[in-house]
Amino acid sequence: MTTETKPLRVLFCIAVQQNFFDLPSAEIGTVWKAFGVMLNDLRNLPGVTVLGTIDDDQTMVGTSPNGWPWTAYILADVPDHTTVVAACNLFRTTPVGEYRLWKFCRVEARIGRELVIPNL
């Protein structure tokens, strides 16, 4: 008997912190470059398939202090909980000068499974 292990469906919810908005304009590019590195590293984690992204920075300006709405979202299939943790850990480990990305952004992962729409 074969049991297929289905990936976890994960929504990574990302908020930009006030520390980002407090930066001098000349330093903002450093954070965005680090954010791009983090996105590539997340996409390249073994078994991760990014299904889609949403960036809400045009209609939401400033921080998301209450946890919703978030600034950006990444929907991905992820092989296991350990990989979800590794993806979130990228915010702790991606350098931004003498800091880490989590000084400027935070992430929260919602883990579920694919909602299958039946053919009726």
Protein backbone atom coordinates (compact mmCIF):
# COMPACT_ATOMS: atom_id res chain seq x y z
CA MET A 1 0.00 0.00 0.00
CA THR A 2 1.37 3.42 -0.97
CA THR A 3 0.54 6.53 0.98
CA GLU A 4 1.15 9.80 -0.81
CA THR A 5 2.33 12.59 1.46
CA LYS A 6 0.72 15.80 0.35
CA PRO A 7 2.53 19.09 0.86
CA LEU A 8 1.40 21.60 3.41
CA ARG A 9 -0.35 24.63 1.95
CA VAL A 10 1.24 27.63 3.66
CA LEU A 11 0.37 31.30 3.60
CA PHE A 12 3.34 33.39 4.69
CA CYS A 13 2.00 36.74 5.92
CA ILE A 14 4.60 39.50 5.93
CA ALA A 15 4.43 42.87 7.68
CA VAL A 16 6.78 45.80 7.24
CA GLN A 17 7.82 47.15 10.66
CA GLN A 18 8.08 50.77 11.75
CA ASN A 19 11.90 50.43 11.81
CA PHE A 20 11.82 50.31 8.00
CA PHE A 21 9.84 53.54 7.77
CA ASP A 22 12.20 55.23 10.23
CA LEU A 23 15.22 54.64 7.97
CA PRO A 24 16.81 57.48 6.03
CA SER A 25 15.83 57.15 2.37
CA ALA A 26 19.42 56.30 1.41
CA GLU A 27 19.26 53.10 3.52
CA ILE A 28 15.90 51.75 2.32
CA GLY A 29 17.45 50.02 -0.71
CA THR A 30 19.60 47.85 1.56
CA VAL A 31 16.48 46.40 3.18
CA TRP A 32 14.78 45.73 -0.17
CA LYS A 33 17.89 44.01 -1.47
CA ALA A 34 17.95 41.76 1.63
CA PHE A 35 14.20 41.14 1.20
CA GLY A 36 14.87 39.96 -2.36
CA VAL A 37 17.60 37.62 -1.10
CA MET A 38 15.17 36.20 1.46
CA LEU A 39 12.49 35.66 -1.21
CA ASN A 40 14.93 33.79 -3.44
CA ASP A 41 16.16 31.71 -0.51
CA LEU A 42 12.58 30.84 0.44
CA ARG A 43 11.73 29.84 -3.13
CA ASN A 44 14.88 27.70 -3.29
CA LEU A 45 14.25 25.72 -0.10
CA PRO A 46 14.02 22.01 -1.01
CA GLY A 47 10.51 21.00 -1.95
CA VAL A 48 9.00 24.50 -1.82
CA THR A 49 6.72 25.53 -4.67
CA VAL A 50 5.61 29.17 -4.61
CA LEU A 51 2.08 29.27 -5.96
CA GLY A 52 1.55 33.01 -5.81
CA THR A 53 2.36 36.30 -4.14
CA ILE A 54 0.45 39.45 -3.25
CA ASP A 55 2.04 42.81 -2.46
CA ASP A 56 -0.44 45.24 -0.92
CA ASP A 57 1.90 48.24 -0.70
CA GLN A 58 -0.09 50.38 -3.14
CA THR A 59 -3.31 50.41 -1.14
CA MET A 60 -1.89 49.95 2.35
CA VAL A 61 0.74 52.47 3.38
CA GLY A 62 2.63 52.11 6.63
CA THR A 63 2.94 49.30 9.16
CA SER A 64 0.44 46.54 9.88
CA PRO A 65 0.52 46.65 13.68
CA ASN A 66 -2.56 44.52 14.32
CA GLY A 67 -1.46 41.55 12.24
CA TRP A 68 -3.98 42.29 9.51
CA PRO A 69 -3.94 43.47 6.87
CA TRP A 70 -0.46 42.30 6.05
CA THR A 71 1.80 44.06 3.57
CA ALA A 72 2.63 40.99 1.47
CA TYR A 73 1.66 37.36 1.21
CA ILE A 74 3.33 34.29 -0.25
CA LEU A 75 1.24 31.17 -0.89
CA ALA A 76 3.36 28.05 -1.21
CA ASP A 77 3.28 24.29 -1.06
CA VAL A 78 5.88 23.19 1.49
CA PRO A 79 6.93 19.59 2.14
CA ASP A 80 6.85 19.65 5.95
CA HIS A 81 6.73 21.69 9.15
CA THR A 82 10.53 21.77 9.41
CA THR A 83 10.72 23.57 6.06
CA VAL A 84 8.04 26.07 7.15
CA VAL A 85 10.19 26.86 10.20
CA ALA A 86 13.28 27.20 7.97
CA ALA A 87 11.39 29.65 5.74
CA CYS A 88 10.35 31.78 8.72
CA ASN A 89 13.90 31.59 10.06
CA LEU A 90 15.14 33.39 6.94
CA PHE A 91 13.83 36.60 8.54
CA ARG A 92 16.12 35.93 11.53
CA THR A 93 19.20 35.10 9.48
CA THR A 94 19.14 37.29 6.34
CA PRO A 95 21.61 40.11 6.98
CA VAL A 96 20.76 43.76 6.46
CA GLY A 97 24.02 45.54 7.19
CA GLU A 98 24.73 44.98 10.89
CA TYR A 99 21.12 43.86 11.52
CA ARG A 100 18.89 41.03 10.37
CA LEU A 101 15.74 41.28 8.25
CA TRP A 102 13.43 40.70 11.22
CA LYS A 103 14.28 44.20 12.46
CA PHE A 104 12.39 45.55 9.44
CA CYS A 105 9.83 42.84 8.59
CA ARG A 106 7.98 40.15 10.43
CA VAL A 107 6.42 36.96 9.19
CA GLU A 108 3.68 34.66 10.36
CA ALA A 109 2.87 31.35 8.66
CA ARG A 110 -0.62 29.92 8.36
CA ILE A 111 -0.42 26.18 7.71
CA GLY A 112 -3.23 24.14 6.24
CA ARG A 113 -3.97 21.91 3.33
CA GLU A 114 -5.26 22.46 -0.15
CA LEU A 115 -8.97 23.09 -0.29
CA VAL A 116 -10.14 20.81 -3.07
CA ILE A 117 -13.14 22.07 -5.01
CA PRO A 118 -15.29 19.09 -5.98
CA ASN A 119 -16.59 18.61 -9.49
CA LEU A 120 -20.36 18.69 -9.10
